[in-house]
Amino acid sequence: MAKEQSTIRERERLDVREPRRYQVIIFNDDFTTMEFVVRLLISVFHKSPAEAEQLMMMVHRSEKAVVGIYSYDVAVSKVQRGLAMARQEGFPLRLTYQPEE
């Protein structure tokens, strides 16, 4: 039996792009304590105590701050963990994520 040769070529299109990144933003409010925000930044976002203090002051002065840039899944997870921690402590802290510009 002779081998058949195919003249059909498979074309593989590779459109590989870097996954979209998301900013996690924390907002200032009049009820959440500064100490809690620092604790949240250390435990959820793995910031050093000095960096957490600096970010907390940035939020306090400018009403909001980007606390990290992550992949979609990680950003959603960190926002959910932060909000759960805030609600457990009774704080109305606001955290959101948005696509990086």
PDB file of N, CA and C in Angstrom:
ATOM      1  N   MET A   1       0.834  -1.161   0.000  1.00  0.00           N
ATOM      2  CA  MET A   1       0.000   0.000   0.000  1.00  0.00           C
ATOM      3  C   MET A   1       0.891   1.241   0.000  1.00  0.00           C
ATOM      4  N   ALA A   2       0.609   2.121  -0.872  1.00  0.00           N
ATOM      5  CA  ALA A   2       1.408   3.347  -0.987  1.00  0.00           C
ATOM      6  C   ALA A   2       0.895   4.387  -0.002  1.00  0.00           C
ATOM      7  N   LYS A   3       1.813   5.159   0.489  1.00  0.00           N
ATOM      8  CA  LYS A   3       1.427   6.238   1.404  1.00  0.00           C
ATOM      9  C   LYS A   3       0.862   7.395   0.601  1.00  0.00           C
ATOM     10  N   GLU A   4      -0.222   7.919   1.101  1.00  0.00           N
ATOM     11  CA  GLU A   4      -0.812   9.067   0.428  1.00  0.00           C
ATOM     12  C   GLU A   4      -0.229  10.337   1.014  1.00  0.00           C
ATOM     13  N   GLN A   5       0.068  11.231   0.152  1.00  0.00           N
ATOM     14  CA  GLN A   5       0.578  12.516   0.623  1.00  0.00           C
ATOM     15  C   GLN A   5      -0.551  13.530   0.549  1.00  0.00           C
ATOM     16  N   SER A   6      -0.690  14.252   1.574  1.00  0.00           N
ATOM     17  CA  SER A   6      -1.747  15.249   1.640  1.00  0.00           C
ATOM     18  C   SER A   6      -1.188  16.606   1.223  1.00  0.00           C
ATOM     19  N   THR A   7      -1.981  17.304   0.460  1.00  0.00           N
ATOM     20  CA  THR A   7      -1.578  18.653   0.071  1.00  0.00           C
ATOM     21  C   THR A   7      -2.222  19.702   0.968  1.00  0.00           C
ATOM     22  N   ILE A   8      -2.940  19.237   1.930  1.00  0.00           N
ATOM     23  CA  ILE A   8      -3.581  20.171   2.863  1.00  0.00           C
ATOM     24  C   ILE A   8      -2.594  20.497   3.973  1.00  0.00           C
ATOM     25  N   ARG A   9      -2.396  21.752   4.164  1.00  0.00           N
ATOM     26  CA  ARG A   9      -1.525  22.212   5.241  1.00  0.00           C
ATOM     27  C   ARG A   9      -2.382  22.814   6.341  1.00  0.00           C
ATOM     28  N   GLU A  10      -2.015  22.485   7.518  1.00  0.00           N
ATOM     29  CA  GLU A  10      -2.715  23.097   8.641  1.00  0.00           C
ATOM     30  C   GLU A  10      -2.000  24.375   9.012  1.00  0.00           C
ATOM     31  N   ARG A  11      -2.776  25.382   9.139  1.00  0.00           N
ATOM     32  CA  ARG A  11      -2.213  26.668   9.513  1.00  0.00           C
ATOM     33  C   ARG A  11      -2.627  26.966  10.947  1.00  0.00           C
ATOM     34  N   GLU A  12      -1.654  27.199  11.751  1.00  0.00           N
ATOM     35  CA  GLU A  12      -1.927  27.491  13.139  1.00  0.00           C
ATOM     36  C   GLU A  12      -1.670  28.961  13.387  1.00  0.00           C
ATOM     37  N   ARG A  13      -2.688  29.617  13.864  1.00  0.00           N
ATOM     38  CA  ARG A  13      -2.562  31.048  14.126  1.00  0.00           C
ATOM     39  C   ARG A  13      -2.275  31.253  15.604  1.00  0.00           C
ATOM     40  N   LEU A  14      -1.197  31.887  15.861  1.00  0.00           N
ATOM     41  CA  LEU A  14      -0.828  32.175  17.237  1.00  0.00           C
ATOM     42  C   LEU A  14      -1.005  33.661  17.505  1.00  0.00           C
ATOM     43  N   ASP A  15      -1.972  33.949  18.315  1.00  0.00           N
ATOM     44  CA  ASP A  15      -2.224  35.334  18.691  1.00  0.00           C
ATOM     45  C   ASP A  15      -2.066  35.414  20.206  1.00  0.00           C
ATOM     46  N   VAL A  16      -0.856  35.282  20.634  1.00  0.00           N
ATOM     47  CA  VAL A  16      -0.568  35.243  22.060  1.00  0.00           C
ATOM     48  C   VAL A  16      -0.322  36.659  22.562  1.00  0.00           C
ATOM     49  N   ARG A  17      -1.091  37.009  23.561  1.00  0.00           N
ATOM     50  CA  ARG A  17      -0.937  38.326  24.162  1.00  0.00           C
ATOM     51  C   ARG A  17      -0.799  38.179  25.666  1.00  0.00           C
ATOM     52  N   GLU A  18      -0.197  39.155  26.260  1.00  0.00           N
ATOM     53  CA  GLU A  18      -0.074  39.235  27.708  1.00  0.00           C
ATOM     54  C   GLU A  18      -1.486  39.363  28.281  1.00  0.00           C
ATOM     55  N   PRO A  19      -1.810  38.660  29.353  1.00  0.00           N
ATOM     56  CA  PRO A  19      -3.147  38.819  29.939  1.00  0.00           C
ATOM     57  C   PRO A  19      -3.327  40.234  30.487  1.00  0.00           C
ATOM     58  N   ARG A  20      -4.538  40.692  30.451  1.00  0.00           N
ATOM     59  CA  ARG A  20      -4.852  42.027  30.938  1.00  0.00           C
ATOM     60  C   ARG A  20      -4.603  42.104  32.439  1.00  0.00           C
ATOM     61  N   ARG A  21      -4.134  43.232  32.902  1.00  0.00           N
ATOM     62  CA  ARG A  21      -3.832  43.434  34.313  1.00  0.00           C
ATOM     63  C   ARG A  21      -4.885  44.369  34.923  1.00  0.00           C
ATOM     64  N   TYR A  22      -5.120  44.200  36.215  1.00  0.00           N
ATOM     65  CA  TYR A  22      -6.153  44.970  36.898  1.00  0.00           C
ATOM     66  C   TYR A  22      -5.585  45.666  38.131  1.00  0.00           C
ATOM     67  N   GLN A  23      -5.992  46.921  38.301  1.00  0.00           N
ATOM     68  CA  GLN A  23      -5.595  47.706  39.470  1.00  0.00           C
ATOM     69  C   GLN A  23      -6.609  47.457  40.579  1.00  0.00           C
ATOM     70  N   VAL A  24      -6.123  47.243  41.775  1.00  0.00           N
ATOM     71  CA  VAL A  24      -6.999  47.169  42.945  1.00  0.00           C
ATOM     72  C   VAL A  24      -6.918  48.527  43.630  1.00  0.00           C
ATOM     73  N   ILE A  25      -8.086  49.123  43.832  1.00  0.00           N
ATOM     74  CA  ILE A  25      -8.166  50.486  44.374  1.00  0.00           C
ATOM     75  C   ILE A  25      -8.895  50.444  45.715  1.00  0.00           C
ATOM     76  N   ILE A  26      -8.326  51.144  46.683  1.00  0.00           N
ATOM     77  CA  ILE A  26      -8.954  51.276  47.998  1.00  0.00           C
ATOM     78  C   ILE A  26      -9.398  52.730  48.157  1.00  0.00           C
ATOM     79  N   PHE A  27     -10.574  52.923  48.737  1.00  0.00           N
ATOM     80  CA  PHE A  27     -11.152  54.260  48.879  1.00  0.00           C
ATOM     81  C   PHE A  27     -11.200  54.671  50.352  1.00  0.00           C
ATOM     82  N   ASN A  28     -11.066  55.948  50.588  1.00  0.00           N
ATOM     83  CA  ASN A  28     -11.141  56.507  51.932  1.00  0.00           C
ATOM     84  C   ASN A  28     -12.601  56.609  52.370  1.00  0.00           C
ATOM     85  N   ASP A  29     -12.825  56.431  53.656  1.00  0.00           N
ATOM     86  CA  ASP A  29     -14.132  56.717  54.245  1.00  0.00           C
ATOM     87  C   ASP A  29     -13.912  57.262  55.649  1.00  0.00           C
ATOM     88  N   ASP A  30     -14.968  57.742  56.267  1.00  0.00           N
ATOM     89  CA  ASP A  30     -14.838  58.374  57.576  1.00  0.00           C
ATOM     90  C   ASP A  30     -14.966  57.399  58.740  1.00  0.00           C
ATOM     91  N   PHE A  31     -15.167  56.115  58.453  1.00  0.00           N
ATOM     92  CA  PHE A  31     -15.443  55.161  59.525  1.00  0.00           C
ATOM     93  C   PHE A  31     -14.355  54.108  59.704  1.00  0.00           C
ATOM     94  N   THR A  32     -13.722  53.697  58.643  1.00  0.00           N
ATOM     95  CA  THR A  32     -12.685  52.668  58.732  1.00  0.00           C
ATOM     96  C   THR A  32     -11.431  53.269  59.356  1.00  0.00           C
ATOM     97  N   THR A  33     -10.909  52.600  60.364  1.00  0.00           N
ATOM     98  CA  THR A  33      -9.739  53.143  61.066  1.00  0.00           C
ATOM     99  C   THR A  33      -8.466  52.986  60.241  1.00  0.00           C
ATOM    100  N   MET A  34      -7.535  53.876  60.489  1.00  0.00           N
ATOM    101  CA  MET A  34      -6.249  53.827  59.800  1.00  0.00           C
ATOM    102  C   MET A  34      -5.502  52.545  60.159  1.00  0.00           C
ATOM    103  N   GLU A  35      -5.623  52.126  61.415  1.00  0.00           N
ATOM    104  CA  GLU A  35      -4.952  50.909  61.869  1.00  0.00           C
ATOM    105  C   GLU A  35      -5.471  49.686  61.120  1.00  0.00           C
ATOM    106  N   PHE A  36      -6.787  49.643  60.893  1.00  0.00           N
ATOM    107  CA  PHE A  36      -7.352  48.515  60.157  1.00  0.00           C
ATOM    108  C   PHE A  36      -6.851  48.504  58.717  1.00  0.00           C
ATOM    109  N   VAL A  37      -6.798  49.659  58.077  1.00  0.00           N
ATOM    110  CA  VAL A  37      -6.322  49.739  56.689  1.00  0.00           C
ATOM    111  C   VAL A  37      -4.886  49.247  56.597  1.00  0.00           C
ATOM    112  N   VAL A  38      -4.042  49.633  57.528  1.00  0.00           N
ATOM    113  CA  VAL A  38      -2.652  49.174  57.542  1.00  0.00           C
ATOM    114  C   VAL A  38      -2.614  47.654  57.714  1.00  0.00           C
ATOM    115  N   ARG A  39      -3.403  47.127  58.643  1.00  0.00           N
ATOM    116  CA  ARG A  39      -3.452  45.673  58.876  1.00  0.00           C
ATOM    117  C   ARG A  39      -3.922  44.936  57.623  1.00  0.00           C
ATOM    118  N   LEU A  40      -4.926  45.479  56.952  1.00  0.00           N
ATOM    119  CA  LEU A  40      -5.444  44.879  55.717  1.00  0.00           C
ATOM    120  C   LEU A  40      -4.371  44.869  54.626  1.00  0.00           C
ATOM    121  N   LEU A  41      -3.673  45.973  54.471  1.00  0.00           N
ATOM    122  CA  LEU A  41      -2.637  46.062  53.440  1.00  0.00           C
ATOM    123  C   LEU A  41      -1.492  45.079  53.704  1.00  0.00           C
ATOM    124  N   ILE A  42      -1.193  44.854  54.958  1.00  0.00           N
ATOM    125  CA  ILE A  42      -0.132  43.910  55.312  1.00  0.00           C
ATOM    126  C   ILE A  42      -0.595  42.468  55.090  1.00  0.00           C
ATOM    127  N   SER A  43      -1.794  42.138  55.579  1.00  0.00           N
ATOM    128  CA  SER A  43      -2.231  40.738  55.536  1.00  0.00           C
ATOM    129  C   SER A  43      -2.770  40.294  54.173  1.00  0.00           C
ATOM    130  N   VAL A  44      -3.525  41.131  53.488  1.00  0.00           N
ATOM    131  CA  VAL A  44      -4.128  40.729  52.212  1.00  0.00           C
ATOM    132  C   VAL A  44      -3.217  41.051  51.028  1.00  0.00           C
ATOM    133  N   PHE A  45      -2.585  42.223  51.061  1.00  0.00           N
ATOM    134  CA  PHE A  45      -1.792  42.669  49.915  1.00  0.00           C
ATOM    135  C   PHE A  45      -0.289  42.476  50.108  1.00  0.00           C
ATOM    136  N   HIS A  46       0.105  41.894  51.244  1.00  0.00           N
ATOM    137  CA  HIS A  46       1.501  41.552  51.537  1.00  0.00           C
ATOM    138  C   HIS A  46       2.446  42.748  51.401  1.00  0.00           C
ATOM    139  N   LYS A  47       2.005  43.886  51.911  1.00  0.00           N
ATOM    140  CA  LYS A  47       2.842  45.083  51.936  1.00  0.00           C
ATOM    141  C   LYS A  47       3.674  45.082  53.216  1.00  0.00           C
ATOM    142  N   SER A  48       4.829  45.716  53.158  1.00  0.00           N
ATOM    143  CA  SER A  48       5.635  45.871  54.377  1.00  0.00           C
ATOM    144  C   SER A  48       4.927  46.891  55.266  1.00  0.00           C
ATOM    145  N   PRO A  49       5.198  46.879  56.569  1.00  0.00           N
ATOM    146  CA  PRO A  49       4.550  47.874  57.444  1.00  0.00           C
ATOM    147  C   PRO A  49       4.794  49.317  56.993  1.00  0.00           C
ATOM    148  N   ALA A  50       5.996  49.621  56.541  1.00  0.00           N
ATOM    149  CA  ALA A  50       6.289  50.989  56.087  1.00  0.00           C
ATOM    150  C   ALA A  50       5.505  51.333  54.830  1.00  0.00           C
ATOM    151  N   GLU A  51       5.446  50.400  53.889  1.00  0.00           N
ATOM    152  CA  GLU A  51       4.698  50.643  52.649  1.00  0.00           C
ATOM    153  C   GLU A  51       3.199  50.739  52.938  1.00  0.00           C
ATOM    154  N   ALA A  52       2.708  49.918  53.857  1.00  0.00           N
ATOM    155  CA  ALA A  52       1.286  49.954  54.230  1.00  0.00           C
ATOM    156  C   ALA A  52       0.926  51.307  54.838  1.00  0.00           C
ATOM    157  N   GLU A  53       1.793  51.816  55.708  1.00  0.00           N
ATOM    158  CA  GLU A  53       1.555  53.148  56.312  1.00  0.00           C
ATOM    159  C   GLU A  53       1.525  54.230  55.239  1.00  0.00           C
ATOM    160  N   GLN A  54       2.474  54.152  54.320  1.00  0.00           N
ATOM    161  CA  GLN A  54       2.555  55.149  53.243  1.00  0.00           C
ATOM    162  C   GLN A  54       1.298  55.100  52.368  1.00  0.00           C
ATOM    163  N   LEU A  55       0.844  53.904  52.000  1.00  0.00           N
ATOM    164  CA  LEU A  55      -0.374  53.772  51.191  1.00  0.00           C
ATOM    165  C   LEU A  55      -1.596  54.265  51.957  1.00  0.00           C
ATOM    166  N   MET A  56      -1.674  53.950  53.235  1.00  0.00           N
ATOM    167  CA  MET A  56      -2.805  54.393  54.047  1.00  0.00           C
ATOM    168  C   MET A  56      -2.876  55.918  54.076  1.00  0.00           C
ATOM    169  N   MET A  57      -1.734  56.574  54.215  1.00  0.00           N
ATOM    170  CA  MET A  57      -1.718  58.039  54.220  1.00  0.00           C
ATOM    171  C   MET A  57      -2.090  58.594  52.844  1.00  0.00           C
ATOM    172  N   MET A  58      -1.686  57.913  51.792  1.00  0.00           N
ATOM    173  CA  MET A  58      -2.054  58.347  50.439  1.00  0.00           C
ATOM    174  C   MET A  58      -3.576  58.263  50.253  1.00  0.00           C
ATOM    175  N   VAL A  59      -4.181  57.192  50.752  1.00  0.00           N
ATOM    176  CA  VAL A  59      -5.640  57.041  50.685  1.00  0.00           C
ATOM    177  C   VAL A  59      -6.304  58.139  51.510  1.00  0.00           C
ATOM    178  N   HIS A  60      -5.772  58.391  52.675  1.00  0.00           N
ATOM    179  CA  HIS A  60      -6.344  59.400  53.571  1.00  0.00           C
ATOM    180  C   HIS A  60      -6.312  60.791  52.941  1.00  0.00           C
ATOM    181  N   ARG A  61      -5.224  61.116  52.257  1.00  0.00           N
ATOM    182  CA  ARG A  61      -5.079  62.457  51.664  1.00  0.00           C
ATOM    183  C   ARG A  61      -5.804  62.614  50.332  1.00  0.00           C
ATOM    184  N   SER A  62      -5.765  61.592  49.494  1.00  0.00           N
ATOM    185  CA  SER A  62      -6.294  61.756  48.134  1.00  0.00           C
ATOM    186  C   SER A  62      -7.569  60.963  47.868  1.00  0.00           C
ATOM    187  N   GLU A  63      -8.195  60.436  48.916  1.00  0.00           N
ATOM    188  CA  GLU A  63      -9.477  59.741  48.825  1.00  0.00           C
ATOM    189  C   GLU A  63      -9.413  58.330  48.228  1.00  0.00           C
ATOM    190  N   LYS A  64      -8.354  58.002  47.473  1.00  0.00           N
ATOM    191  CA  LYS A  64      -8.218  56.639  46.957  1.00  0.00           C
ATOM    192  C   LYS A  64      -6.771  56.421  46.536  1.00  0.00           C
ATOM    193  N   ALA A  65      -6.416  55.137  46.401  1.00  0.00           N
ATOM    194  CA  ALA A  65      -5.060  54.802  45.960  1.00  0.00           C
ATOM    195  C   ALA A  65      -5.055  53.403  45.355  1.00  0.00           C
ATOM    196  N   VAL A  66      -4.177  53.199  44.397  1.00  0.00           N
ATOM    197  CA  VAL A  66      -3.976  51.872  43.816  1.00  0.00           C
ATOM    198  C   VAL A  66      -3.052  51.120  44.760  1.00  0.00           C
ATOM    199  N   VAL A  67      -3.514  49.972  45.247  1.00  0.00           N
ATOM    200  CA  VAL A  67      -2.715  49.206  46.199  1.00  0.00           C
ATOM    201  C   VAL A  67      -1.990  48.035  45.549  1.00  0.00           C
ATOM    202  N   GLY A  68      -2.296  47.775  44.286  1.00  0.00           N
ATOM    203  CA  GLY A  68      -1.602  46.700  43.580  1.00  0.00           C
ATOM    204  C   GLY A  68      -2.164  46.499  42.193  1.00  0.00           C
ATOM    205  N   ILE A  69      -1.374  45.856  41.353  1.00  0.00           N
ATOM    206  CA  ILE A  69      -1.791  45.526  39.990  1.00  0.00           C
ATOM    207  C   ILE A  69      -1.589  44.028  39.817  1.00  0.00           C
ATOM    208  N   TYR A  70      -2.669  43.345  39.453  1.00  0.00           N
ATOM    209  CA  TYR A  70      -2.670  41.881  39.434  1.00  0.00           C
ATOM    210  C   TYR A  70      -3.404  41.363  38.197  1.00  0.00           C
ATOM    211  N   SER A  71      -3.310  40.060  37.997  1.00  0.00           N
ATOM    212  CA  SER A  71      -4.141  39.419  36.982  1.00  0.00           C
ATOM    213  C   SER A  71      -5.595  39.478  37.471  1.00  0.00           C
ATOM    214  N   TYR A  72      -6.542  39.215  36.587  1.00  0.00           N
ATOM    215  CA  TYR A  72      -7.955  39.339  36.928  1.00  0.00           C
ATOM    216  C   TYR A  72      -8.326  38.486  38.149  1.00  0.00           C
ATOM    217  N   ASP A  73      -7.965  37.217  38.121  1.00  0.00           N
ATOM    218  CA  ASP A  73      -8.346  36.308  39.205  1.00  0.00           C
ATOM    219  C   ASP A  73      -7.773  36.745  40.549  1.00  0.00           C
ATOM    220  N   VAL A  74      -6.530  37.162  40.548  1.00  0.00           N
ATOM    221  CA  VAL A  74      -5.891  37.585  41.792  1.00  0.00           C
ATOM    222  C   VAL A  74      -6.529  38.882  42.293  1.00  0.00           C
ATOM    223  N   ALA A  75      -6.807  39.821  41.386  1.00  0.00           N
ATOM    224  CA  ALA A  75      -7.438  41.091  41.787  1.00  0.00           C
ATOM    225  C   ALA A  75      -8.805  40.839  42.413  1.00  0.00           C
ATOM    226  N   VAL A  76      -9.607  40.004  41.781  1.00  0.00           N
ATOM    227  CA  VAL A  76     -10.945  39.694  42.315  1.00  0.00           C
ATOM    228  C   VAL A  76     -10.824  39.035  43.681  1.00  0.00           C
ATOM    229  N   SER A  77      -9.911  38.100  43.809  1.00  0.00           N
ATOM    230  CA  SER A  77      -9.720  37.389  45.069  1.00  0.00           C
ATOM    231  C   SER A  77      -9.294  38.340  46.195  1.00  0.00           C
ATOM    232  N   LYS A  78      -8.367  39.235  45.899  1.00  0.00           N
ATOM    233  CA  LYS A  78      -7.890  40.172  46.918  1.00  0.00           C
ATOM    234  C   LYS A  78      -8.986  41.154  47.329  1.00  0.00           C
ATOM    235  N   VAL A  79      -9.782  41.619  46.375  1.00  0.00           N
ATOM    236  CA  VAL A  79     -10.899  42.517  46.705  1.00  0.00           C
ATOM    237  C   VAL A  79     -11.904  41.778  47.588  1.00  0.00           C
ATOM    238  N   GLN A  80     -12.235  40.546  47.244  1.00  0.00           N
ATOM    239  CA  GLN A  80     -13.195  39.773  48.045  1.00  0.00           C
ATOM    240  C   GLN A  80     -12.674  39.515  49.452  1.00  0.00           C
ATOM    241  N   ARG A  81     -11.395  39.150  49.569  1.00  0.00           N
ATOM    242  CA  ARG A  81     -10.807  38.903  50.892  1.00  0.00           C
ATOM    243  C   ARG A  81     -10.787  40.181  51.722  1.00  0.00           C
ATOM    244  N   GLY A  82     -10.427  41.309  51.091  1.00  0.00           N
ATOM    245  CA  GLY A  82     -10.386  42.582  51.800  1.00  0.00           C
ATOM    246  C   GLY A  82     -11.759  43.026  52.269  1.00  0.00           C
ATOM    247  N   LEU A  83     -12.754  42.883  51.403  1.00  0.00           N
ATOM    248  CA  LEU A  83     -14.111  43.269  51.775  1.00  0.00           C
ATOM    249  C   LEU A  83     -14.654  42.372  52.887  1.00  0.00           C
ATOM    250  N   ALA A  84     -14.372  41.080  52.801  1.00  0.00           N
ATOM    251  CA  ALA A  84     -14.820  40.156  53.849  1.00  0.00           C
ATOM    252  C   ALA A  84     -14.180  40.511  55.190  1.00  0.00           C
ATOM    253  N   MET A  85     -12.917  40.824  55.168  1.00  0.00           N
ATOM    254  CA  MET A  85     -12.204  41.208  56.394  1.00  0.00           C
ATOM    255  C   MET A  85     -12.795  42.494  56.982  1.00  0.00           C
ATOM    256  N   ALA A  86     -13.086  43.464  56.100  1.00  0.00           N
ATOM    257  CA  ALA A  86     -13.666  44.732  56.559  1.00  0.00           C
ATOM    258  C   ALA A  86     -15.055  44.519  57.147  1.00  0.00           C
ATOM    259  N   ARG A  87     -15.882  43.723  56.493  1.00  0.00           N
ATOM    260  CA  ARG A  87     -17.247  43.486  56.984  1.00  0.00           C
ATOM    261  C   ARG A  87     -17.222  42.731  58.305  1.00  0.00           C
ATOM    262  N   GLN A  88     -16.279  41.807  58.434  1.00  0.00           N
ATOM    263  CA  GLN A  88     -16.150  41.054  59.675  1.00  0.00           C
ATOM    264  C   GLN A  88     -15.822  41.986  60.851  1.00  0.00           C
ATOM    265  N   GLU A  89     -15.049  43.022  60.571  1.00  0.00           N
ATOM    266  CA  GLU A  89     -14.685  44.000  61.610  1.00  0.00           C
ATOM    267  C   GLU A  89     -15.721  45.118  61.736  1.00  0.00           C
ATOM    268  N   GLY A  90     -16.725  45.134  60.837  1.00  0.00           N
ATOM    269  CA  GLY A  90     -17.780  46.139  60.908  1.00  0.00           C
ATOM    270  C   GLY A  90     -17.466  47.447  60.199  1.00  0.00           C
ATOM    271  N   PHE A  91     -16.525  47.430  59.255  1.00  0.00           N
ATOM    272  CA  PHE A  91     -16.147  48.641  58.536  1.00  0.00           C
ATOM    273  C   PHE A  91     -16.761  48.653  57.127  1.00  0.00           C
ATOM    274  N   PRO A  92     -17.165  49.846  56.647  1.00  0.00           N
ATOM    275  CA  PRO A  92     -17.758  49.962  55.302  1.00  0.00           C
ATOM    276  C   PRO A  92     -16.716  50.230  54.214  1.00  0.00           C
ATOM    277  N   LEU A  93     -15.523  49.719  54.382  1.00  0.00           N
ATOM    278  CA  LEU A  93     -14.430  49.970  53.446  1.00  0.00           C
ATOM    279  C   LEU A  93     -14.829  49.579  52.018  1.00  0.00           C
ATOM    280  N   ARG A  94     -14.392  50.403  51.057  1.00  0.00           N
ATOM    281  CA  ARG A  94     -14.678  50.132  49.641  1.00  0.00           C
ATOM    282  C   ARG A  94     -13.386  49.757  48.923  1.00  0.00           C
ATOM    283  N   LEU A  95     -13.401  48.637  48.248  1.00  0.00           N
ATOM    284  CA  LEU A  95     -12.308  48.169  47.397  1.00  0.00           C
ATOM    285  C   LEU A  95     -12.898  47.803  46.049  1.00  0.00           C
ATOM    286  N   THR A  96     -12.211  48.181  44.989  1.00  0.00           N
ATOM    287  CA  THR A  96     -12.665  47.791  43.651  1.00  0.00           C
ATOM    288  C   THR A  96     -11.451  47.415  42.815  1.00  0.00           C
ATOM    289  N   TYR A  97     -11.740  46.877  41.632  1.00  0.00           N
ATOM    290  CA  TYR A  97     -10.685  46.598  40.669  1.00  0.00           C
ATOM    291  C   TYR A  97     -11.141  47.120  39.322  1.00  0.00           C
ATOM    292  N   GLN A  98     -10.184  47.523  38.507  1.00  0.00           N
ATOM    293  CA  GLN A  98     -10.487  48.012  37.163  1.00  0.00           C
ATOM    294  C   GLN A  98      -9.304  47.687  36.268  1.00  0.00           C
ATOM    295  N   PRO A  99      -9.552  47.586  34.964  1.00  0.00           N
ATOM    296  CA  PRO A  99      -8.445  47.295  34.046  1.00  0.00           C
ATOM    297  C   PRO A  99      -7.367  48.368  34.120  1.00  0.00           C
ATOM    298  N   GLU A 100      -6.135  47.929  34.047  1.00  0.00           N
ATOM    299  CA  GLU A 100      -5.010  48.859  34.069  1.00  0.00           C
ATOM    300  C   GLU A 100      -5.025  49.683  32.787  1.00  0.00           C
ATOM    301  N   GLU A 101      -4.731  50.948  32.925  1.00  0.00           N
ATOM    302  CA  GLU A 101      -4.753  51.836  31.757  1.00  0.00           C
ATOM    303  C   GLU A 101      -3.430  51.872  31.063  1.00  0.00           C
TER     304      GLU A 101
END
